[in-house]
Amino acid sequence: MAALADVVQLPGRSGIRTAAPVRTIGRTVSHTNRRVNTAIEALASAATEGVRAASRRLTEEPAGATDDWGRDPVLVRNMMVLAQLRWAVSTGGDQHLPKRRGALVVVNAPRLSNSAVFTAFAISEAVDRPVRFVGRRSLEPLAALDRRIGGLLDDPDEIAGALRADEIVVLGAAPASGLRSVGAIDHTVIGAALATSTKVFPAATTSSPLARRARVEIGPAARPPRKRRGPLTELELADRVRAEVHDLLTEMGELNTGTPFDWLPMTGIGGR
């Protein structure tokens, strides 16, 4: 019984009596648990600080690093280099765009893609000019990231300001399913282009989820069906641009179906 008492608890005169080896094991386990908890807390603290540091880098850029709308050309260039590791993008129709004047480019937006960013990067590479896109996200630090890669608020006044300053702006149509489907186009943004005497260009994007090839095709500037002085002008022009984007998709031939993985936040490349 003495040997058994060394490894188990036996009743004693004052209640339960714990053998010395059992107490030693208990202390060892408790010490190990404390070390594990300390390590977990240290990792969590490091991860939190890493997120905060990343957020500071996005929102506290050095003076002069960004332009009037917050676009960081160095960050955009780095992201475009990363994107080229995955995608081989060809851009057609860029000769339609003005050399120095502003332009509004309207592109199709399949579901689970971010074709406005993809198109902005591709056009910027083709024409060697800063290109912005409409649709900056509201959640930080994503909003700061969008701003630094050329994102504008979905606000006709901000868009009009950029167009008035001769900037190229890309607007994505509403998300749509189907190989050649084009969603509705925000007519208020079209109205901003009309108010600033800016030309509106239809564009179509395609990409393959398995291959590296991707394409952006820009058509000639769209014109309103007829001149009006009222708000119907922007509605009619929005419908005209939507039809011309659809025509571009048809002319580009058979399309491949994209996947959610076609859009990677660190590449800026979206599915077709």
Protein backbone atom coordinates (compact mmCIF):
# COMPACT_ATOMS: atom_id res chain seq x y z
CA MET A 1 0.00 0.00 0.00
CA ALA A 2 2.93 2.38 0.65
CA ALA A 3 3.99 2.17 -3.01
CA LEU A 4 0.44 2.81 -4.16
CA ALA A 5 0.19 5.83 -1.88
CA ASP A 6 3.13 7.40 -3.70
CA VAL A 7 1.13 7.76 -6.91
CA VAL A 8 -2.51 8.09 -5.85
CA GLN A 9 -4.54 10.05 -3.35
CA LEU A 10 -5.41 8.13 -0.12
CA PRO A 11 -7.80 9.19 2.65
CA GLY A 12 -5.96 10.45 5.74
CA ARG A 13 -6.87 11.71 9.15
CA SER A 14 -7.46 15.24 7.89
CA GLY A 15 -9.28 14.34 4.67
CA ILE A 16 -7.64 13.67 1.29
CA ARG A 17 -3.83 13.21 1.34
CA THR A 18 -1.97 13.90 -1.96
CA ALA A 19 1.29 12.10 -2.57
CA ALA A 20 4.37 14.25 -3.30
CA PRO A 21 4.92 13.01 -6.93
CA VAL A 22 1.33 13.90 -7.81
CA ARG A 23 1.78 17.42 -6.41
CA THR A 24 4.99 17.79 -8.46
CA ILE A 25 3.19 16.75 -11.66
CA GLY A 26 0.43 19.24 -10.91
CA ARG A 27 2.93 22.07 -10.50
CA THR A 28 4.67 21.13 -13.78
CA VAL A 29 1.40 21.10 -15.73
CA SER A 30 0.38 24.44 -14.24
CA HIS A 31 3.75 25.97 -15.14
CA THR A 32 3.48 24.63 -18.70
CA ASN A 33 -0.02 26.06 -19.08
CA ARG A 34 1.20 29.48 -17.96
CA ARG A 35 4.03 29.39 -20.50
CA VAL A 36 1.62 28.37 -23.29
CA ASN A 37 -0.82 31.15 -22.33
CA THR A 38 2.03 33.67 -22.25
CA ALA A 39 3.19 32.59 -25.71
CA ILE A 40 -0.34 32.84 -27.12
CA GLU A 41 -0.78 36.32 -25.65
CA ALA A 42 2.56 37.40 -27.13
CA LEU A 43 1.56 36.12 -30.59
CA ALA A 44 -1.82 37.84 -30.37
CA SER A 45 -0.17 41.09 -29.34
CA ALA A 46 2.33 40.87 -32.20
CA ALA A 47 -0.45 40.17 -34.71
CA THR A 48 -2.49 43.13 -33.43
CA GLU A 49 0.51 45.43 -33.64
CA GLY A 50 1.21 44.18 -37.17
CA VAL A 51 -2.33 45.08 -38.26
CA ARG A 52 -2.01 48.50 -36.64
CA ALA A 53 1.34 49.11 -38.33
CA ALA A 54 -0.09 48.12 -41.71
CA SER A 55 -3.01 50.48 -41.17
CA ARG A 56 -0.62 53.31 -40.25
CA ARG A 57 1.42 52.71 -43.40
CA LEU A 58 -1.75 52.98 -45.47
CA THR A 59 -3.12 56.10 -43.80
CA GLU A 60 0.00 58.04 -42.75
CA GLU A 61 1.92 58.35 -46.00
CA PRO A 62 4.83 60.82 -46.20
CA ALA A 63 4.06 64.33 -47.47
CA GLY A 64 4.12 64.50 -51.24
CA ALA A 65 3.80 60.73 -51.72
CA THR A 66 0.23 60.96 -53.01
CA ASP A 67 -1.62 63.21 -55.43
CA ASP A 68 -4.64 65.42 -54.82
CA TRP A 69 -7.00 62.43 -54.63
CA GLY A 70 -4.70 60.30 -52.47
CA ARG A 71 -3.29 58.03 -55.19
CA ASP A 72 0.18 56.67 -54.43
CA PRO A 73 2.02 56.02 -57.73
CA VAL A 74 4.73 53.92 -56.05
CA LEU A 75 2.19 51.61 -54.42
CA VAL A 76 0.24 51.33 -57.69
CA ARG A 77 3.40 50.45 -59.60
CA ASN A 78 4.34 47.76 -57.07
CA MET A 79 0.88 46.22 -57.26
CA MET A 80 0.95 46.25 -61.05
CA VAL A 81 4.30 44.42 -61.01
CA LEU A 82 2.81 41.78 -58.71
CA ALA A 83 -0.24 41.50 -60.95
CA GLN A 84 1.94 40.83 -63.99
CA LEU A 85 3.28 37.71 -62.28
CA ARG A 86 -0.22 36.25 -62.54
CA TRP A 87 -1.77 37.96 -65.55
CA ALA A 88 -0.65 38.81 -69.07
CA VAL A 89 -2.99 41.67 -69.90
CA SER A 90 -3.50 43.05 -73.39
CA THR A 91 -5.28 46.36 -73.87
CA GLY A 92 -6.98 47.38 -77.09
CA GLY A 93 -8.69 50.58 -78.15
CA ASP A 94 -6.58 52.80 -75.87
CA GLN A 95 -5.98 55.04 -78.90
CA HIS A 96 -9.59 56.21 -78.51
CA LEU A 97 -8.80 57.85 -75.18
CA PRO A 98 -7.72 61.51 -75.10
CA LYS A 99 -4.02 62.17 -74.53
CA ARG A 100 -4.47 64.85 -71.88
CA ARG A 101 -8.18 65.45 -71.35
CA GLY A 102 -10.39 63.63 -68.88
CA ALA A 103 -12.45 60.57 -69.78
CA LEU A 104 -15.05 58.32 -68.17
CA VAL A 105 -14.60 54.63 -69.04
CA VAL A 106 -17.52 52.31 -68.28
CA VAL A 107 -16.73 48.60 -67.99
CA ASN A 108 -18.72 45.41 -67.39
CA ALA A 109 -18.53 43.93 -63.88
CA PRO A 110 -19.16 40.17 -63.55
CA ARG A 111 -20.08 38.92 -60.11
CA LEU A 112 -17.23 38.09 -57.73
CA SER A 113 -14.83 40.30 -59.63
CA ASN A 114 -13.39 43.76 -59.34
CA SER A 115 -13.07 44.69 -62.98
CA ALA A 116 -13.00 48.46 -62.37
CA VAL A 117 -9.65 48.14 -60.56
CA PHE A 118 -8.37 45.65 -63.13
CA THR A 119 -9.32 47.99 -65.98
CA ALA A 120 -7.85 51.06 -64.26
CA PHE A 121 -4.50 49.33 -63.85
CA ALA A 122 -4.50 48.02 -67.43
CA ILE A 123 -5.37 51.41 -68.96
CA SER A 124 -2.81 53.18 -66.78
CA GLU A 125 -0.15 50.79 -68.06
CA ALA A 126 -1.25 51.32 -71.68
CA VAL A 127 -1.51 55.13 -71.74
CA ASP A 128 1.09 55.92 -69.04
CA ARG A 129 -1.28 58.13 -67.09
CA PRO A 130 -2.85 57.89 -63.63
CA VAL A 131 -6.25 56.20 -63.90
CA ARG A 132 -8.82 56.19 -61.11
CA PHE A 133 -11.82 53.98 -60.41
CA VAL A 134 -15.18 54.58 -58.77
CA GLY A 135 -16.12 52.57 -55.69
CA ARG A 136 -13.83 53.12 -52.73
CA ARG A 137 -14.82 50.79 -49.90
CA SER A 138 -15.93 52.26 -46.57
CA LEU A 139 -14.29 49.77 -44.19
CA GLU A 140 -10.83 50.68 -42.88
CA PRO A 141 -8.06 49.91 -43.70
CA LEU A 142 -9.53 48.80 -47.06
CA ALA A 143 -10.81 52.33 -47.69
CA ALA A 144 -7.30 53.73 -47.25
CA LEU A 145 -5.87 51.06 -49.56
CA ASP A 146 -8.50 51.82 -52.23
CA ARG A 147 -7.73 55.52 -52.00
CA ARG A 148 -4.00 54.94 -52.43
CA ILE A 149 -4.50 52.81 -55.54
CA GLY A 150 -6.80 55.37 -57.18
CA GLY A 151 -10.24 54.78 -55.67
CA LEU A 152 -12.82 57.57 -55.70
CA LEU A 153 -15.99 57.81 -53.64
CA ASP A 154 -19.19 56.81 -55.41
CA ASP A 155 -20.19 60.46 -55.35
CA PRO A 156 -21.03 62.40 -58.54
CA ASP A 157 -19.49 65.57 -57.10
CA GLU A 158 -16.11 63.91 -56.41
CA ILE A 159 -16.17 62.21 -59.79
CA ALA A 160 -17.03 65.48 -61.52
CA GLY A 161 -14.08 67.13 -59.76
CA ALA A 162 -11.71 64.47 -61.05
CA LEU A 163 -13.10 64.70 -64.60
CA ARG A 164 -12.92 68.48 -64.49
CA ALA A 165 -9.24 68.12 -63.60
CA ASP A 166 -8.74 66.01 -66.77
CA GLU A 167 -8.43 62.66 -64.98
CA ILE A 168 -9.36 59.29 -66.49
CA VAL A 169 -11.96 57.54 -64.32
CA VAL A 170 -13.23 53.96 -64.63
CA LEU A 171 -16.82 53.14 -63.62
CA GLY A 172 -17.97 49.55 -63.23
CA ALA A 173 -21.51 48.62 -64.21
CA ALA A 174 -23.66 46.86 -61.64
CA PRO A 175 -22.59 43.19 -61.12
CA ALA A 176 -24.24 40.80 -63.54
CA SER A 177 -24.25 37.05 -64.17
CA GLY A 178 -23.86 35.53 -67.61
CA LEU A 179 -21.13 35.55 -70.22
CA ARG A 180 -22.29 38.70 -71.99
CA SER A 181 -24.51 40.32 -69.38
CA VAL A 182 -23.98 43.95 -68.48
CA GLY A 183 -25.56 45.38 -65.35
CA ALA A 184 -27.18 48.77 -64.94
CA ILE A 185 -24.97 51.87 -65.18
CA ASP A 186 -25.22 54.65 -62.61
CA HIS A 187 -26.75 57.48 -64.62
CA THR A 188 -25.70 60.09 -62.03
CA VAL A 189 -22.05 59.38 -62.83
CA ILE A 190 -22.89 59.70 -66.53
CA GLY A 191 -24.50 63.01 -65.58
CA ALA A 192 -21.21 64.11 -63.98
CA ALA A 193 -19.45 63.42 -67.26
CA LEU A 194 -22.05 65.40 -69.21
CA ALA A 195 -21.82 68.31 -66.76
CA THR A 196 -18.06 68.51 -67.28
CA SER A 197 -18.21 67.97 -71.08
CA THR A 198 -16.28 64.72 -70.67
CA LYS A 199 -16.49 61.91 -73.21
CA VAL A 200 -17.80 58.51 -72.09
CA PHE A 201 -16.15 55.35 -73.43
CA PRO A 202 -17.55 51.79 -73.27
CA ALA A 203 -15.09 49.04 -72.33
CA ALA A 204 -15.19 45.26 -71.89
CA THR A 205 -12.94 42.96 -69.87
CA THR A 206 -12.31 39.24 -70.17
CA SER A 207 -10.00 36.86 -68.35
CA SER A 208 -9.44 33.15 -67.88
CA PRO A 209 -9.34 31.58 -64.40
CA LEU A 210 -6.76 29.00 -65.49
CA ALA A 211 -4.61 30.80 -68.05
CA ARG A 212 -2.61 34.03 -67.71
CA ARG A 213 -4.31 35.87 -70.54
CA ALA A 214 -6.67 38.76 -69.87
CA ARG A 215 -7.92 41.58 -72.07
CA VAL A 216 -9.40 45.05 -71.86
CA GLU A 217 -11.05 46.43 -74.99
CA ILE A 218 -12.08 50.09 -75.19
CA GLY A 219 -14.56 51.30 -77.76
CA PRO A 220 -15.02 54.75 -79.34
CA ALA A 221 -16.73 57.43 -77.28
CA ALA A 222 -20.48 56.99 -76.97
CA ARG A 223 -22.87 59.75 -77.97
CA PRO A 224 -26.32 60.51 -76.64
CA PRO A 225 -29.12 59.40 -79.00
CA ARG A 226 -30.24 63.03 -79.28
CA LYS A 227 -29.55 66.29 -77.53
CA ARG A 228 -31.74 67.15 -74.57
CA ARG A 229 -31.61 69.76 -71.84
CA GLY A 230 -33.32 67.72 -69.16
CA PRO A 231 -32.21 64.73 -67.04
CA LEU A 232 -33.26 62.22 -69.71
CA THR A 233 -29.95 62.84 -71.48
CA GLU A 234 -27.91 61.00 -68.87
CA LEU A 235 -30.44 58.15 -68.73
CA GLU A 236 -30.37 57.68 -72.50
CA LEU A 237 -26.59 57.88 -72.62
CA ALA A 238 -26.31 55.30 -69.82
CA ASP A 239 -28.52 52.93 -71.84
CA ARG A 240 -26.46 53.59 -74.98
CA VAL A 241 -23.17 52.86 -73.18
CA ARG A 242 -24.60 49.67 -71.68
CA ALA A 243 -25.57 48.43 -75.14
CA GLU A 244 -22.14 49.27 -76.55
CA VAL A 245 -20.36 47.40 -73.72
CA HIS A 246 -22.53 44.38 -74.57
CA ASP A 247 -21.54 44.71 -78.24
CA LEU A 248 -17.86 44.78 -77.30
CA LEU A 249 -18.26 41.60 -75.27
CA THR A 250 -19.93 39.92 -78.24
CA GLU A 251 -17.15 41.01 -80.60
CA MET A 252 -14.50 39.64 -78.25
CA GLY A 253 -15.85 36.14 -78.80
CA GLU A 254 -16.34 33.20 -76.47
CA LEU A 255 -15.60 34.01 -72.84
CA ASN A 256 -14.28 31.85 -70.07
CA THR A 257 -16.05 31.68 -66.76
CA GLY A 258 -14.19 33.40 -63.95
CA THR A 259 -13.96 32.23 -60.35
CA PRO A 260 -13.85 34.02 -56.99
CA PHE A 261 -10.09 33.44 -56.99
CA ASP A 262 -9.72 35.68 -60.05
CA TRP A 263 -9.86 38.65 -57.72
CA LEU A 264 -6.95 38.91 -55.31
CA PRO A 265 -6.79 42.12 -53.25
CA MET A 266 -3.01 42.31 -53.56
CA THR A 267 -3.01 42.08 -57.34
CA GLY A 268 -5.85 44.32 -58.36
CA ILE A 269 -6.85 41.88 -61.09
CA GLY A 270 -10.45 40.82 -61.36
CA GLY A 271 -12.34 38.18 -63.28
CA ARG A 272 -13.83 39.13 -66.58
